[in-house]
N, C-alpha and C. Protein backbone atom coordinates (compact mmCIF):
# COMPACT_ATOMS: atom_id res chain seq x y z
N UNK A 1 89.75 144.55 103.10
CA UNK A 1 88.96 143.91 104.49
C UNK A 1 88.51 142.77 104.20
N UNK A 2 87.69 142.31 102.84
CA UNK A 2 87.30 141.04 102.82
C UNK A 2 88.24 139.87 102.62
N UNK A 3 89.43 140.72 101.94
CA UNK A 3 90.63 139.77 101.70
C UNK A 3 90.89 139.23 102.92
N UNK A 4 91.31 140.11 103.69
CA UNK A 4 91.87 139.79 105.21
C UNK A 4 90.99 138.60 105.87
N UNK A 5 89.50 139.01 105.89
CA UNK A 5 88.82 137.58 106.43
C UNK A 5 88.91 136.50 105.91
N UNK A 6 88.94 136.66 104.40
CA UNK A 6 89.20 135.05 103.69
C UNK A 6 90.36 134.63 104.11
N UNK A 7 91.59 135.20 104.13
CA UNK A 7 92.86 134.52 104.68
C UNK A 7 92.95 134.29 106.12
N UNK A 8 92.09 134.64 107.03
CA UNK A 8 91.90 134.36 108.10
C UNK A 8 91.18 133.00 108.40
N UNK A 9 90.24 132.95 107.63
CA UNK A 9 89.48 131.91 107.47
C UNK A 9 90.01 130.58 107.08
N UNK A 10 90.64 130.97 106.03
CA UNK A 10 91.59 129.93 105.39
C UNK A 10 92.66 129.29 106.31
N UNK A 11 93.27 129.96 107.17
CA UNK A 11 94.12 129.87 108.29
C UNK A 11 93.56 128.90 109.28
N UNK A 12 92.55 129.25 109.82
CA UNK A 12 91.68 128.67 110.90
C UNK A 12 91.57 127.26 110.09
N UNK A 13 90.96 127.03 109.09
CA UNK A 13 90.58 125.91 108.21
C UNK A 13 91.83 124.86 108.22
N UNK A 14 93.02 125.28 107.64
CA UNK A 14 94.12 125.00 107.27
C UNK A 14 94.44 124.21 108.91
N UNK A 15 94.50 125.17 110.13
CA UNK A 15 94.92 124.57 111.30
C UNK A 15 94.00 123.61 111.96
N UNK A 16 92.67 123.53 111.47
CA UNK A 16 91.70 122.52 111.76
C UNK A 16 92.11 121.22 111.18
N UNK A 17 92.12 121.47 109.84
CA UNK A 17 92.53 120.09 109.04
C UNK A 17 93.81 119.46 109.55
N UNK A 18 94.62 120.26 109.74
CA UNK A 18 96.15 119.71 109.89
C UNK A 18 96.08 119.12 111.64
N UNK A 19 95.28 119.61 112.71
CA UNK A 19 95.10 119.09 113.66
C UNK A 19 94.18 117.83 113.73
N UNK A 20 93.28 117.48 112.97
CA UNK A 20 92.38 116.28 112.71
C UNK A 20 93.07 115.45 112.08
N UNK A 21 94.23 115.60 111.13
CA UNK A 21 94.82 114.60 110.50
C UNK A 21 96.05 114.20 111.43
N UNK A 22 96.57 115.00 112.47
CA UNK A 22 97.41 114.38 113.55
C UNK A 22 96.81 113.85 114.59
N UNK A 23 95.46 114.06 114.76
CA UNK A 23 94.80 113.25 115.67
C UNK A 23 94.85 111.71 115.12
N UNK A 24 94.35 111.29 113.83
CA UNK A 24 94.06 110.80 113.30
C UNK A 24 95.46 109.54 113.23
N UNK A 25 96.38 110.14 113.05
CA UNK A 25 97.52 109.48 112.85
C UNK A 25 98.28 108.67 114.29
N UNK A 26 97.87 109.42 115.07
CA UNK A 26 98.10 109.08 116.47
C UNK A 26 97.38 108.00 117.00
N UNK A 27 96.03 107.90 116.32
CA UNK A 27 95.19 106.91 116.88
C UNK A 27 95.46 105.40 116.11
N UNK A 28 95.73 105.79 114.57
CA UNK A 28 95.90 104.57 113.58
C UNK A 28 97.53 104.43 113.47
N UNK A 29 98.30 105.07 114.34
CA UNK A 29 99.88 104.93 113.82
C UNK A 29 100.52 103.41 114.29
N UNK A 30 100.63 102.60 113.41
CA UNK A 30 101.02 101.34 113.75
C UNK A 30 102.34 101.45 114.70
N UNK A 31 103.23 102.39 114.71
CA UNK A 31 104.38 102.49 115.39
C UNK A 31 103.78 102.57 116.91
N UNK A 32 102.43 102.90 117.37
CA UNK A 32 102.08 103.16 119.05
C UNK A 32 101.76 101.52 119.32
N UNK A 33 101.65 100.47 118.31
CA UNK A 33 101.62 99.16 118.70
C UNK A 33 102.75 98.32 118.61
N UNK A 34 102.81 97.33 119.72
CA UNK A 34 103.98 96.30 119.31
C UNK A 34 103.67 95.19 118.34
N UNK A 35 104.86 94.84 117.74
CA UNK A 35 104.76 94.00 116.82
C UNK A 35 103.64 92.64 117.21
N UNK A 36 103.55 92.24 118.39
CA UNK A 36 102.74 91.35 118.90
C UNK A 36 101.35 91.51 118.65
N UNK A 37 101.24 93.04 119.17
CA UNK A 37 99.50 93.36 118.98
C UNK A 37 99.11 93.37 117.58
N UNK A 38 100.06 93.91 116.66
CA UNK A 38 99.75 93.91 115.25
C UNK A 38 99.51 92.69 114.66
N UNK A 39 100.44 91.54 115.05
CA UNK A 39 100.11 90.12 114.68
C UNK A 39 98.64 89.69 115.28
N UNK A 40 98.31 89.91 116.29
CA UNK A 40 97.06 89.58 116.97
C UNK A 40 96.07 90.09 116.08
N UNK A 41 95.96 91.54 115.64
CA UNK A 41 94.89 91.83 115.04
C UNK A 41 94.87 91.36 113.74
N UNK A 42 95.91 91.04 113.21
CA UNK A 42 95.84 90.98 111.91
C UNK A 42 95.66 89.49 111.50
N UNK A 43 95.91 88.50 112.56
CA UNK A 43 95.39 87.23 112.25
C UNK A 43 94.04 86.49 113.10
N UNK A 44 93.42 85.61 112.68
CA UNK A 44 92.31 85.07 113.01
C UNK A 44 92.46 83.65 112.79
N UNK A 45 91.65 82.78 113.69
CA UNK A 45 91.52 81.42 113.79
C UNK A 45 90.49 80.70 113.76
N UNK A 46 90.19 79.65 112.92
CA UNK A 46 89.00 79.05 112.65
C UNK A 46 89.20 77.56 112.65
N UNK A 47 88.26 76.68 113.15
CA UNK A 47 88.41 75.18 113.38
C UNK A 47 87.21 74.68 112.47
N UNK A 48 87.53 73.45 112.08
CA UNK A 48 86.49 72.62 111.19
C UNK A 48 87.21 71.17 110.68
N UNK A 49 86.36 70.89 109.78
CA UNK A 49 87.04 69.42 109.13
C UNK A 49 87.87 69.95 107.76
N UNK A 50 88.93 69.21 107.42
CA UNK A 50 89.69 69.61 106.41
C UNK A 50 88.67 69.39 104.99
N UNK A 51 88.22 69.73 104.19
CA UNK A 51 87.40 69.24 103.26
C UNK A 51 88.00 68.76 102.16
N UNK A 52 88.63 69.84 101.25
CA UNK A 52 89.40 69.49 100.19
C UNK A 52 90.50 69.87 99.99
N UNK A 53 91.59 69.54 99.32
CA UNK A 53 93.06 70.29 99.29
C UNK A 53 93.36 70.18 98.02
N UNK A 54 93.80 71.26 97.24
CA UNK A 54 94.36 71.34 95.78
C UNK A 54 95.51 72.01 95.80
N UNK A 55 96.65 70.94 95.45
CA UNK A 55 98.10 71.11 95.43
C UNK A 55 98.48 72.34 94.28
N UNK A 56 97.67 72.16 93.16
CA UNK A 56 97.91 72.77 91.97
C UNK A 56 97.93 74.23 92.44
N UNK A 57 96.57 74.59 92.96
CA UNK A 57 96.41 75.94 93.33
C UNK A 57 96.49 76.62 94.89
N UNK A 58 97.35 75.59 95.36
CA UNK A 58 97.68 75.45 96.89
C UNK A 58 96.79 76.18 97.83
N UNK A 59 95.60 75.55 97.48
CA UNK A 59 94.48 76.09 98.41
C UNK A 59 93.68 74.67 99.05
N UNK A 60 93.14 75.10 100.06
CA UNK A 60 92.27 73.77 100.77
C UNK A 60 91.11 74.64 101.41
N UNK A 61 90.15 73.61 101.58
CA UNK A 61 88.64 74.11 102.15
C UNK A 61 88.45 73.33 103.48
N UNK A 62 88.05 74.02 104.49
CA UNK A 62 87.53 73.65 105.91
C UNK A 62 86.01 73.81 105.88
N UNK A 63 85.34 72.77 106.58
CA UNK A 63 84.08 73.04 106.37
C UNK A 63 83.98 73.33 107.68
N UNK A 64 83.30 74.74 108.09
CA UNK A 64 83.04 75.02 109.70
C UNK A 64 81.60 75.17 109.85
N UNK A 65 81.12 75.46 110.88
CA UNK A 65 79.88 75.76 111.45
C UNK A 65 79.01 76.95 110.40
N UNK A 66 79.84 77.46 110.06
CA UNK A 66 79.22 79.03 109.07
C UNK A 66 79.61 78.54 107.61
N UNK A 67 79.88 77.30 107.32
CA UNK A 67 79.99 76.97 105.89
C UNK A 67 81.43 76.80 105.57
N UNK A 68 81.79 76.38 104.26
CA UNK A 68 82.83 76.13 104.04
C UNK A 68 83.55 77.19 103.49
N UNK A 69 84.80 77.44 103.97
CA UNK A 69 85.78 78.65 104.11
C UNK A 69 87.33 77.98 103.39
N UNK A 70 87.60 78.64 102.18
CA UNK A 70 88.72 78.43 101.40
C UNK A 70 90.04 79.44 101.93
N UNK A 71 91.22 78.60 102.17
CA UNK A 71 92.45 79.15 102.24
C UNK A 71 93.52 78.87 101.33
N UNK A 72 94.53 79.70 101.20
CA UNK A 72 95.77 79.42 100.65
C UNK A 72 96.76 79.18 101.49
N UNK A 73 97.56 78.39 101.17
CA UNK A 73 98.83 78.05 101.95
C UNK A 73 100.26 78.30 101.34
N UNK A 74 101.23 78.43 101.82
CA UNK A 74 102.26 78.91 101.11
C UNK A 74 103.70 78.19 101.83
N UNK A 75 105.03 78.16 100.94
CA UNK A 75 106.10 77.53 101.86
C UNK A 75 106.11 77.89 103.31
N UNK A 76 105.73 79.13 103.68
CA UNK A 76 105.97 79.43 104.98
C UNK A 76 104.88 79.02 106.07
N UNK A 77 103.77 78.37 105.31
CA UNK A 77 102.88 78.15 106.22
C UNK A 77 103.23 76.84 107.38
N UNK A 78 102.86 77.18 108.37
CA UNK A 78 103.47 76.11 109.59
C UNK A 78 102.16 74.97 109.46
N UNK A 79 102.81 73.67 109.63
CA UNK A 79 101.78 72.63 110.17
C UNK A 79 102.23 71.98 111.22
N UNK A 80 101.40 71.91 111.95
CA UNK A 80 101.85 71.03 113.35
C UNK A 80 100.99 69.81 113.13
N UNK A 81 101.44 68.84 113.72
CA UNK A 81 100.75 67.59 113.67
C UNK A 81 100.40 66.81 112.23
N UNK A 82 101.19 67.39 111.29
CA UNK A 82 101.08 66.63 110.04
C UNK A 82 102.18 67.04 108.86
N UNK A 83 103.16 67.20 109.36
CA UNK A 83 104.01 67.63 108.48
C UNK A 83 104.22 68.91 107.69
N UNK A 84 104.32 69.01 106.28
CA UNK A 84 104.24 70.26 105.51
C UNK A 84 102.82 70.43 104.84
N UNK A 85 102.61 71.86 104.06
CA UNK A 85 101.34 71.96 103.79
C UNK A 85 101.01 71.00 102.44
N UNK A 86 101.99 70.48 101.89
CA UNK A 86 101.80 69.63 100.69
C UNK A 86 101.29 68.24 101.37
N UNK A 87 101.75 68.10 102.49
CA UNK A 87 101.22 66.56 103.15
C UNK A 87 99.59 66.76 103.57
N UNK A 88 99.00 67.98 103.39
CA UNK A 88 97.81 67.87 103.46
C UNK A 88 96.72 66.96 102.61
N UNK A 89 97.08 66.92 101.67
CA UNK A 89 96.47 66.01 100.70
C UNK A 89 96.39 64.65 101.04
N UNK A 90 95.31 63.93 101.00
CA UNK A 90 95.11 62.89 101.94
C UNK A 90 94.56 62.71 103.24
N UNK A 91 94.54 63.98 103.84
CA UNK A 91 94.15 64.10 105.23
C UNK A 91 92.54 64.72 105.26
N UNK A 92 92.10 64.57 104.13
CA UNK A 92 90.59 65.26 104.17
C UNK A 92 89.67 64.34 105.45
N UNK A 93 88.89 65.24 105.99
CA UNK A 93 88.04 64.45 106.93
C UNK A 93 88.83 64.94 108.37
N UNK A 94 90.06 65.30 108.47
CA UNK A 94 90.70 65.45 109.79
C UNK A 94 90.21 67.05 110.33
N UNK A 95 90.45 66.78 111.73
CA UNK A 95 89.59 68.17 112.52
C UNK A 95 91.19 69.04 112.41
N UNK A 96 91.02 70.18 111.79
CA UNK A 96 92.02 71.20 111.86
C UNK A 96 91.58 72.68 112.43
N UNK A 97 92.76 73.30 113.10
CA UNK A 97 92.61 74.84 113.41
C UNK A 97 93.58 75.28 112.83
N UNK A 98 92.85 76.37 111.85
CA UNK A 98 93.79 77.11 111.20
C UNK A 98 93.82 78.97 111.23
N UNK A 99 94.94 79.27 111.36
CA UNK A 99 95.36 80.61 111.96
C UNK A 99 95.54 81.17 110.57
N UNK A 100 94.89 82.44 110.37
CA UNK A 100 95.00 82.98 108.95
C UNK A 100 95.19 84.53 109.19
N UNK A 101 95.55 85.20 107.84
CA UNK A 101 95.43 86.63 107.67
C UNK A 101 94.80 86.78 106.30
N UNK A 102 93.73 87.88 106.63
CA UNK A 102 93.23 88.26 105.43
C UNK A 102 94.42 89.12 104.48
N UNK A 103 94.47 88.93 103.24
CA UNK A 103 95.38 89.62 102.42
C UNK A 103 94.41 90.18 101.03
N UNK A 104 93.89 91.09 100.99
CA UNK A 104 93.33 91.43 99.69
C UNK A 104 92.12 90.53 99.32
N UNK A 105 91.63 89.88 100.19
CA UNK A 105 90.33 89.37 99.80
C UNK A 105 90.87 87.59 99.98
N UNK A 106 91.83 87.41 99.92
CA UNK A 106 92.39 85.98 100.45
C UNK A 106 92.50 85.81 101.60
N UNK A 107 92.44 84.33 102.20
CA UNK A 107 92.65 83.93 103.43
C UNK A 107 94.04 83.18 103.28
N UNK A 108 95.23 83.89 103.84
CA UNK A 108 96.26 82.90 103.75
C UNK A 108 96.84 82.40 105.14
N UNK A 109 96.47 81.26 104.87
CA UNK A 109 97.06 80.37 106.04
C UNK A 109 98.26 80.35 106.73
N UNK A 110 98.55 80.91 108.04
CA UNK A 110 99.79 80.86 108.64
C UNK A 110 100.35 79.66 109.45
N UNK A 111 99.29 78.88 109.75
CA UNK A 111 99.56 78.08 110.77
C UNK A 111 98.25 76.99 110.59
N UNK A 112 98.44 75.66 110.50
CA UNK A 112 97.60 74.55 110.34
C UNK A 112 97.80 73.69 111.56
N UNK A 113 96.75 73.39 112.25
CA UNK A 113 97.18 72.54 113.39
C UNK A 113 96.04 71.24 113.44
N UNK A 114 96.62 70.33 113.39
CA UNK A 114 95.83 68.94 113.27
C UNK A 114 95.09 68.48 114.76
N UNK A 115 94.24 68.47 115.04
CA UNK A 115 93.94 67.86 116.10
C UNK A 115 93.26 66.60 116.48
């Protein structure tokens, strides 16, 4: 009798856990979102003055109201109004709007717009 109660309790617990996991998957499932929605959620933008550029480390710093923010640029970084990312050097002081995504603690610039 006791073994039957334990088995019944385990079945209910397993069903509850499976239901909770399924509910989490439907609310967090990226398949329920369009690619544009996922892109919009993962990218952020910030504006400020281009402060420093380091071509060796492929980083640049933007001075914002909240302080200096450092970004990484790649060959895929789109630059509008100023050429390629390597062309950032010598443009210190220019106003920019940086669109970026966080990737394991690094801010990867996807777009840099000179204003």
